[in-house]
Protein backbone atom coordinates (compact mmCIF):
# COMPACT_ATOMS: atom_id res chain seq x y z
CA UNK A 1 0.00 0.00 0.00
CA UNK A 2 1.40 3.37 -1.01
CA UNK A 3 1.98 6.02 1.62
CA UNK A 4 1.27 9.64 0.92
CA UNK A 5 4.41 11.80 1.20
CA UNK A 6 4.29 14.26 4.09
CA UNK A 7 6.44 17.39 4.02
CA UNK A 8 6.98 19.64 7.03
CA UNK A 9 7.70 23.20 5.90
CA UNK A 10 9.14 25.75 8.32
CA UNK A 11 10.07 29.31 7.32
CA UNK A 12 12.28 31.76 9.16
CA UNK A 13 9.72 33.84 11.12
CA UNK A 14 9.75 37.01 9.01
CA UNK A 15 7.43 38.18 6.25
CA UNK A 16 9.91 37.90 3.37
CA UNK A 17 10.63 34.29 4.31
CA UNK A 18 7.09 33.14 5.14
CA UNK A 19 5.57 34.24 1.82
CA UNK A 20 7.81 32.23 -0.54
CA UNK A 21 7.75 29.20 1.75
CA UNK A 22 3.97 29.05 1.81
CA UNK A 23 3.93 29.29 -1.99
CA UNK A 24 6.35 26.38 -2.21
CA UNK A 25 4.21 24.42 0.25
CA UNK A 26 1.13 24.97 -1.91
CA UNK A 27 2.99 23.75 -5.00
CA UNK A 28 4.06 20.59 -3.17
CA UNK A 29 0.50 20.05 -1.94
CA UNK A 30 -0.84 20.34 -5.46
CA UNK A 31 1.62 17.63 -6.51
CA UNK A 32 0.30 15.16 -3.94
CA UNK A 33 2.11 15.97 -0.69
CA UNK A 34 0.46 16.16 2.70
CA UNK A 35 1.71 19.48 4.12
CA UNK A 36 2.34 20.59 7.67
CA UNK A 37 3.26 24.27 7.72
CA UNK A 38 5.05 25.33 10.92
CA UNK A 39 4.91 28.94 12.07
CA UNK A 40 6.07 30.44 15.32
CA UNK A 41 3.27 31.02 17.81
CA UNK A 42 3.77 34.79 17.48
CA UNK A 43 3.44 34.83 13.70
CA UNK A 44 0.58 32.35 13.74
CA UNK A 45 -1.35 34.80 15.88
CA UNK A 46 -0.36 37.69 13.61
CA UNK A 47 -1.73 35.80 10.62
CA UNK A 48 -4.99 35.17 12.45
CA UNK A 49 -5.20 38.84 13.39
CA UNK A 50 -4.55 40.01 9.83
CA UNK A 51 -6.55 37.44 7.87
CA UNK A 52 -9.33 36.38 10.23
CA UNK A 53 -9.93 33.57 12.77
CA UNK A 54 -10.74 30.95 10.11
CA UNK A 55 -7.87 31.77 7.78
CA UNK A 56 -5.51 29.05 9.03
CA UNK A 57 -7.88 26.15 9.29
CA UNK A 58 -6.33 24.86 6.10
CA UNK A 59 -7.42 21.56 4.57
CA UNK A 60 -7.38 17.97 5.82
CA UNK A 61 -4.02 17.48 4.09
CA UNK A 62 -2.65 21.02 4.47
CA UNK A 63 -2.60 22.10 8.07
CA UNK A 64 -0.77 24.51 10.35
CA UNK A 65 1.23 23.84 13.50
CA UNK A 66 3.21 26.14 15.77
CA UNK A 67 6.35 26.16 17.88
CA UNK A 68 7.54 28.87 20.30
CA UNK A 69 10.28 31.24 19.15
CA UNK A 70 11.82 31.44 22.62
CA UNK A 71 11.39 35.20 22.97
CA UNK A 72 9.48 37.05 25.72
CA UNK A 73 5.90 38.04 24.88
CA UNK A 74 5.98 41.17 22.68
CA UNK A 75 4.39 44.44 23.69
CA UNK A 76 3.01 45.00 20.19
CA UNK A 77 1.35 42.16 18.29
CA UNK A 78 1.54 43.98 14.95
CA UNK A 79 5.23 44.85 14.77
CA UNK A 80 8.34 43.16 13.48
CA UNK A 81 10.32 41.33 16.14
CA UNK A 82 13.91 42.25 16.88
CA UNK A 83 15.83 40.39 14.18
CA UNK A 84 19.03 39.87 16.18
CA UNK A 85 17.11 38.40 19.13
CA UNK A 86 15.07 36.26 16.75
CA UNK A 87 18.15 34.84 15.02
CA UNK A 88 19.77 33.92 18.32
CA UNK A 89 16.61 32.53 19.88
CA UNK A 90 15.56 30.34 16.96
CA UNK A 91 19.02 28.77 16.78
CA UNK A 92 19.21 28.18 20.53
CA UNK A 93 15.65 27.17 21.44
CA UNK A 94 13.65 25.92 18.46
CA UNK A 95 15.25 22.51 17.85
CA UNK A 96 13.56 20.75 20.75
CA UNK A 97 10.00 22.00 20.11
CA UNK A 98 10.37 21.28 16.39
CA UNK A 99 11.64 17.77 17.12
CA UNK A 100 8.74 17.19 19.54
CA UNK A 101 6.27 18.38 16.92
CA UNK A 102 7.59 16.06 14.23
CA UNK A 103 7.65 13.09 16.61
CA UNK A 104 4.07 13.91 17.63
CA UNK A 105 3.01 13.96 13.98
CA UNK A 106 4.68 10.58 13.50
CA UNK A 107 2.90 9.04 16.49
CA UNK A 108 -0.14 7.34 15.00
CA UNK A 109 -1.82 7.19 18.40
CA UNK A 110 -1.74 11.00 18.63
CA UNK A 111 -2.29 12.05 15.03
CA UNK A 112 -4.17 10.80 12.01
CA UNK A 113 -1.70 12.07 9.42
CA UNK A 114 0.94 10.18 7.44
CA UNK A 115 4.42 10.15 9.00
CA UNK A 116 6.68 13.03 8.04
CA UNK A 117 8.81 11.83 5.14
CA UNK A 118 10.75 15.02 4.33
CA UNK A 119 11.51 18.46 5.75
CA UNK A 120 11.81 21.70 3.77
CA UNK A 121 13.07 24.48 5.98
CA UNK A 122 14.39 27.97 5.57
CA UNK A 123 18.18 28.00 5.42
CA UNK A 124 18.17 30.20 8.53
CA UNK A 125 16.34 27.44 10.44
CA UNK A 126 18.85 24.70 9.65
CA UNK A 127 18.54 23.10 13.10
CA UNK A 128 15.80 21.12 11.33
CA UNK A 129 18.50 19.09 9.58
CA UNK A 130 19.29 17.38 12.88
CA UNK A 131 15.72 16.08 13.05
CA UNK A 132 15.87 14.97 9.42
CA UNK A 133 19.09 13.11 10.16
CA UNK A 134 17.60 11.40 13.20
CA UNK A 135 14.63 10.20 11.15
CA UNK A 136 16.78 9.39 8.08
CA UNK A 137 14.60 11.53 5.82
CA UNK A 138 15.54 14.26 3.31
CA UNK A 139 16.21 17.73 4.67
CA UNK A 140 16.01 20.44 2.02
CA UNK A 141 17.04 24.05 2.70
CA UNK A 142 15.15 26.87 0.98
CA UNK A 143 17.27 30.01 0.53
CA UNK A 144 14.86 32.90 0.13
CA UNK A 145 17.83 35.29 -0.09
CA UNK A 146 19.14 36.29 -3.50
CA UNK A 147 21.79 33.96 -4.91
CA UNK A 148 24.37 36.75 -4.84
CA UNK A 149 23.77 37.16 -1.11
CA UNK A 150 24.07 33.40 -0.65
CA UNK A 151 27.41 33.45 -2.50
CA UNK A 152 28.75 36.12 -0.16
CA UNK A 153 27.38 34.37 2.92
CA UNK A 154 29.15 31.16 1.97
CA UNK A 155 32.47 33.01 1.94
CA UNK A 156 32.15 34.58 5.40
CA UNK A 157 34.62 32.00 6.78
CA UNK A 158 37.14 33.08 4.14
CA UNK A 159 36.77 36.71 5.21
CA UNK A 160 37.74 35.64 8.71
CA UNK A 161 40.63 33.49 7.45
CA UNK A 162 41.98 36.46 5.47
CA UNK A 163 41.84 38.71 8.52
CA UNK A 164 39.23 41.05 7.05
CA UNK A 165 36.60 40.15 9.66
CA UNK A 166 36.11 41.11 12.41
CA UNK A 167 37.05 44.69 11.57
CA UNK A 168 40.20 45.87 13.33
CA UNK A 169 38.50 48.96 14.77
CA UNK A 170 35.91 51.64 14.05
CA UNK A 171 38.30 53.49 11.73
CA UNK A 172 37.51 50.87 9.06
CA UNK A 173 34.29 52.75 8.40
CA UNK A 174 36.13 55.94 7.46
CA UNK A 175 39.65 55.04 6.27
CA UNK A 176 38.75 53.54 2.90
CA UNK A 177 38.66 49.93 4.09
CA UNK A 178 35.01 49.61 3.03
CA UNK A 179 36.18 50.08 -0.58
CA UNK A 180 38.42 47.00 -0.41
CA UNK A 181 37.79 44.93 -3.54
CA UNK A 182 36.65 41.36 -2.97
CA UNK A 183 37.75 39.52 -6.11
CA UNK A 184 37.97 35.91 -4.97
CA UNK A 185 34.32 34.85 -4.65
CA UNK A 186 33.55 32.52 -7.61
CA UNK A 187 31.20 34.11 -10.12
CA UNK A 188 31.16 37.55 -8.47
CA UNK A 189 32.89 40.47 -10.14
CA UNK A 190 33.50 44.06 -9.11
CA UNK A 191 32.21 43.84 -5.57
CA UNK A 192 33.54 45.83 -2.63
CA UNK A 193 33.54 45.01 1.08
CA UNK A 194 30.77 47.58 1.54
CA UNK A 195 28.61 45.55 -0.86
CA UNK A 196 28.75 42.36 1.22
CA UNK A 197 25.77 41.46 3.43
CA UNK A 198 26.35 43.73 6.40
CA UNK A 199 26.48 41.06 9.11
CA UNK A 200 30.28 41.27 8.72
CA UNK A 201 30.44 44.94 9.79
CA UNK A 202 31.55 44.25 13.33
CA UNK A 203 34.69 44.62 15.43
CA UNK A 204 33.52 41.93 17.85
CA UNK A 205 34.69 38.36 17.10
CA UNK A 206 31.80 37.14 19.26
CA UNK A 207 29.20 39.25 17.48
CA UNK A 208 25.98 37.18 17.77
CA UNK A 209 24.64 37.97 14.31
CA UNK A 210 27.97 37.13 12.65
CA UNK A 211 28.12 33.84 14.51
CA UNK A 212 24.52 33.14 13.53
CA UNK A 213 25.50 33.65 9.89
CA UNK A 214 28.46 31.27 10.27
CA UNK A 215 26.12 28.60 11.66
CA UNK A 216 23.84 29.08 8.67
CA UNK A 217 26.84 28.62 6.37
CA UNK A 218 28.02 25.48 8.15
CA UNK A 219 24.57 23.91 8.09
CA UNK A 220 24.20 24.47 4.37
CA UNK A 221 26.68 21.68 3.63
CA UNK A 222 24.55 19.18 5.58
CA UNK A 223 21.37 19.53 3.50
CA UNK A 224 20.06 16.96 1.03
CA UNK A 225 19.62 19.76 -1.50
CA UNK A 226 19.47 23.56 -1.73
CA UNK A 227 16.51 25.39 -3.26
CA UNK A 228 16.64 29.00 -4.46
CA UNK A 229 14.00 31.54 -5.39
CA UNK A 230 15.80 32.64 -8.55
CA UNK A 231 16.04 31.48 -12.15
CA UNK A 232 19.06 30.29 -14.09
CA UNK A 233 19.44 33.15 -16.53
CA UNK A 234 19.36 35.82 -13.83
CA UNK A 235 22.34 34.33 -11.97
CA UNK A 236 24.01 32.24 -14.67
CA UNK A 237 27.65 33.09 -13.82
CA UNK A 238 27.18 32.53 -10.10
CA UNK A 239 25.24 29.31 -10.58
CA UNK A 240 27.86 27.88 -12.91
CA UNK A 241 30.60 28.74 -10.42
CA UNK A 242 28.83 27.22 -7.42
CA UNK A 243 27.41 24.13 -9.11
CA UNK A 244 30.97 23.15 -9.95
CA UNK A 245 31.83 22.99 -6.23
CA UNK A 246 31.42 19.32 -5.43
CA UNK A 247 31.31 19.97 -1.68
CA UNK A 248 27.90 21.65 -1.92
CA UNK A 249 24.60 19.73 -2.03
CA UNK A 250 22.66 19.80 -5.33
CA UNK A 251 21.32 23.26 -6.23
CA UNK A 252 17.83 23.83 -7.65
CA UNK A 253 16.49 27.17 -8.89
CA UNK A 254 12.69 27.44 -8.92
CA UNK A 255 12.00 31.16 -9.11
CA UNK A 256 10.33 33.49 -9.31
CA UNK A 257 8.22 31.22 -7.16
CA UNK A 258 5.19 33.53 -7.34
CA UNK A 259 5.08 32.80 -11.09
CA UNK A 260 4.79 29.08 -10.38
CA UNK A 261 2.34 29.72 -7.56
CA UNK A 262 0.11 31.81 -9.81
CA UNK A 263 -0.31 28.80 -12.11
CA UNK A 264 -2.17 26.92 -9.39
CA UNK A 265 -5.79 26.55 -10.56
CA UNK A 266 -8.65 28.05 -8.59
CA UNK A 267 -8.58 25.94 -5.47
CA UNK A 268 -9.29 26.06 -1.77
CA UNK A 269 -5.58 26.72 -1.24
CA UNK A 270 -5.98 30.17 -2.76
CA UNK A 271 -7.61 31.34 0.46
CA UNK A 272 -4.46 30.54 2.46
CA UNK A 273 -2.37 33.70 2.59
CA UNK A 274 0.81 34.81 4.31
CA UNK A 275 0.51 38.54 4.96
CA UNK A 276 1.32 39.42 8.56
CA UNK A 277 -0.33 42.82 8.14
CA UNK A 278 -3.96 43.36 7.21
CA UNK A 279 -4.28 43.72 3.46
CA UNK A 280 -5.81 46.90 2.09
CA UNK A 281 -7.19 46.23 -1.38
CA UNK A 282 -9.09 49.48 -1.90
CA UNK A 283 -6.08 50.96 -3.69
CA UNK A 284 -6.36 48.46 -6.54
CA UNK A 285 -9.45 50.08 -8.05
CA UNK A 286 -7.69 53.45 -7.92
CA UNK A 287 -4.59 51.91 -9.50
CA UNK A 288 -6.58 50.42 -12.36
CA UNK A 289 -7.86 53.89 -13.21
CA UNK A 290 -4.32 55.13 -13.98
CA UNK A 291 -2.46 54.91 -17.27
CA UNK A 292 0.14 52.13 -17.69
CA UNK A 293 3.66 53.06 -16.50
CA UNK A 294 2.37 56.19 -14.76
CA UNK A 295 2.38 55.18 -11.07
CA UNK A 296 5.48 54.93 -8.89
CA UNK A 297 5.32 52.06 -6.37
CA UNK A 298 7.14 52.61 -3.07
CA UNK A 299 7.72 49.81 -0.57
CA UNK A 300 10.38 49.45 2.13
CA UNK A 301 9.74 45.75 2.74
CA UNK A 302 8.85 44.16 6.06
CA UNK A 303 11.87 45.01 8.23
CA UNK A 304 13.35 48.38 7.21
CA UNK A 305 12.43 51.32 9.43
CA UNK A 306 12.97 55.06 9.18
CA UNK A 307 12.85 58.10 11.41
CA UNK A 308 10.05 60.64 11.24
CA UNK A 309 12.47 63.10 9.61
CA UNK A 310 13.46 60.59 6.94
CA UNK A 311 9.78 59.95 6.28
CA UNK A 312 9.08 63.67 5.84
CA UNK A 313 12.03 64.15 3.49
CA UNK A 314 11.08 61.13 1.43
CA UNK A 315 7.43 62.18 1.28
CA UNK A 316 8.22 65.71 0.09
CA UNK A 317 10.69 64.34 -2.43
CA UNK A 318 7.92 62.19 -3.90
CA UNK A 319 5.35 64.99 -3.78
CA UNK A 320 7.64 67.50 -5.48
CA UNK A 321 7.96 65.30 -8.58
CA UNK A 322 4.21 65.71 -9.25
CA UNK A 323 4.13 62.04 -10.25
CA UNK A 324 1.39 59.74 -9.01
CA UNK A 325 2.64 57.18 -6.48
CA UNK A 326 1.40 54.29 -4.38
CA UNK A 327 3.31 54.04 -1.10
CA UNK A 328 2.95 51.10 1.29
CA UNK A 329 3.46 52.36 4.85
CA UNK A 330 3.51 49.67 7.53
CA UNK A 331 2.31 50.53 11.06
CA UNK A 332 5.86 49.93 12.32
CA UNK A 333 7.73 51.74 9.51
CA UNK A 334 8.37 54.96 11.43
CA UNK A 335 10.38 55.23 14.63
CA UNK A 336 10.43 58.18 16.95
CA UNK A 337 7.87 59.46 19.41
CA UNK A 338 5.30 56.95 18.20
CA UNK A 339 7.81 54.20 17.54
CA UNK A 340 6.56 50.62 17.51
CA UNK A 341 10.13 49.34 17.63
CA UNK A 342 12.70 49.99 20.37
CA UNK A 343 15.52 52.48 19.63
CA UNK A 344 18.11 49.75 20.03
CA UNK A 345 16.50 47.93 17.08
CA UNK A 346 17.16 50.96 14.89
CA UNK A 347 20.76 51.18 16.04
CA UNK A 348 21.27 47.48 15.47
CA UNK A 349 19.77 47.39 11.98
CA UNK A 350 20.71 50.80 10.62
CA UNK A 351 23.38 49.36 8.29
CA UNK A 352 21.33 46.34 7.18
CA UNK A 353 19.99 47.77 3.96
CA UNK A 354 20.62 44.69 1.74
CA UNK A 355 23.80 46.09 0.21
CA UNK A 356 24.54 43.02 -1.94
CA UNK A 357 21.09 43.10 -3.50
CA UNK A 358 21.50 46.83 -4.06
CA UNK A 359 24.83 46.30 -5.82
CA UNK A 360 23.41 43.65 -8.12
CA UNK A 361 20.23 45.58 -8.88
CA UNK A 362 22.24 48.65 -9.86
CA UNK A 363 25.42 47.23 -11.40
CA UNK A 364 24.54 43.79 -12.76
CA UNK A 365 20.84 43.58 -13.49
CA UNK A 366 20.46 47.23 -14.48
CA UNK A 367 17.15 47.85 -12.72
CA UNK A 368 18.00 49.97 -9.68
CA UNK A 369 19.44 53.23 -8.39
CA UNK A 370 20.91 53.74 -4.93
CA UNK A 371 20.04 56.54 -2.51
CA UNK A 372 21.95 57.52 0.62
CA UNK A 373 20.18 56.70 3.90
CA UNK A 374 20.66 60.34 4.89
CA UNK A 375 17.50 61.09 2.98
CA UNK A 376 17.13 64.55 1.40
CA UNK A 377 14.00 65.55 -0.47
CA UNK A 378 15.89 67.03 -3.42
CA UNK A 379 17.82 63.78 -3.90
CA UNK A 380 14.60 61.75 -3.80
CA UNK A 381 13.00 64.10 -6.31
CA UNK A 382 16.02 63.91 -8.62
CA UNK A 383 16.10 60.09 -8.64
CA UNK A 384 12.34 59.75 -9.08
CA UNK A 385 12.36 62.17 -12.03
CA UNK A 386 15.22 60.22 -13.63
CA UNK A 387 13.35 56.98 -13.09
CA UNK A 388 10.03 58.22 -14.44
CA UNK A 389 11.19 60.65 -17.14
CA UNK A 390 14.89 60.20 -17.98
CA UNK A 391 16.86 58.04 -20.38
CA UNK A 392 18.37 56.00 -17.55
CA UNK A 393 14.90 55.30 -16.21
CA UNK A 394 13.65 54.25 -19.65
CA UNK A 395 16.60 51.91 -19.95
CA UNK A 396 15.82 50.41 -16.56
CA UNK A 397 12.18 49.86 -17.52
CA UNK A 398 13.26 48.09 -20.70
CA UNK A 399 15.69 45.93 -18.76
CA UNK A 400 13.02 45.08 -16.19
CA UNK A 401 10.69 43.94 -18.98
CA UNK A 402 13.47 41.76 -20.39
CA UNK A 403 13.96 40.07 -17.03
CA UNK A 404 10.19 39.71 -16.65
CA UNK A 405 9.93 37.85 -19.97
CA UNK A 406 12.89 35.62 -19.11
CA UNK A 407 11.33 34.83 -15.74
CA UNK A 408 8.08 33.87 -17.47
CA UNK A 409 9.97 31.53 -19.80
CA UNK A 410 11.81 29.95 -16.85
CA UNK A 411 8.56 29.21 -15.01
CA UNK A 412 6.64 27.93 -18.06
CA UNK A 413 6.51 24.22 -19.05
CA UNK A 414 9.94 23.26 -20.31
CA UNK A 415 11.61 26.25 -18.61
CA UNK A 416 14.47 25.85 -16.15
CA UNK A 417 12.55 26.66 -12.95
CA UNK A 418 9.53 24.60 -14.02
CA UNK A 419 11.77 21.62 -14.78
CA UNK A 420 13.74 22.05 -11.56
CA UNK A 421 10.52 21.98 -9.54
CA UNK A 422 9.67 18.63 -11.11
CA UNK A 423 13.16 17.39 -10.24
CA UNK A 424 12.80 18.50 -6.62
CA UNK A 425 9.51 16.65 -6.27
CA UNK A 426 10.95 13.52 -7.87
CA UNK A 427 14.01 13.73 -5.62
CA UNK A 428 11.85 14.09 -2.52
CA UNK A 429 9.84 11.07 -3.56
CA UNK A 430 12.90 9.04 -4.52
CA UNK A 431 14.72 9.84 -1.29
CA UNK A 432 11.64 8.79 0.63
CA UNK A 433 11.17 5.73 -1.63
CA UNK A 434 7.46 6.39 -1.89
CA UNK A 435 5.01 7.44 -4.56
CA UNK A 436 2.42 10.18 -4.33
CA UNK A 437 -1.17 9.07 -4.44
């Protein structure tokens, strides 16, 4: 008698990690997998608050479970948790509750679900690999970061070996050290120290976030396979360089995963969402009333924060262009008198502005322009005008459309990401030695 494959999916507990993981989980479910999606208790409650009390009931073969994140109860249930504390806590406290959950699921006297036959976890939650090893089942790691960031992360140990990290002292921020060229990462060209993911900007050899990153790197080698939310043509040089490294597990690119997800037919799964903030859809009707290519979209993601003064400068910069814009402002975006995040969070994350992604967007993919975090309204206005009216902006729009078309090809039948998704599913089934019903 054939057993139905059962995958446990666990994202890192932040918006930008939850959304792609839940899309991947839906794709696996559509291909015959029983899915257990594991959120932290805090984010589970946030999802219920944002999407309604019935939103996570799921289906008989797609259900939600929770584990604690190990942090004290938050004062605000609608704000991003402190990322440093979250990184440390998940690594130090989440293994045992995750192990207990999986063993509970596998106990037929306590559950009526098939035994867990594979684990797909965020790369930042790689403690899950220990459970996979104990059960002798596949443990896949899903890197929701860009591949260029992954490449830099994987060479953090080399930065330490070369004496570049930790920084010798605070003068490294002002003496030109940040412009040191890093020319020994396979597949990466013309990148400076300042362009590396900023977890390495520390003078403390015991810096908790640096050591967290090193643990993520070390765990990557233990996975059955690595999955990335990118597509081959976008990162061809990097992928070629890293796939040739025999020490790494097999690499699969399946992005942009939202393209694959959007191919799912109208189904009960469509009602399962991942937004930790309440969605406001009233703007869509307004947006549809505007001419194509006429509206500027502004979004700072789920973690970045700004001061009230930065907000004012940015707002006036946008307003002074006279262009129509749609700006997503989270409740916890602004810090200051009405801050929803503690001041120490701002200090801790002020340099984490995704520098590697910025470098690639601007210098490699040709679809971005950089602005200093000392926001001035005239600089915002200048860049927005160039984007919306200038030759550089027109070139960026054309390049973005090129990448869009290539992404569509990659996620269509016969495309690289589409084919890789099939290979992942077959590998999961082969490793488990079972067949989907």
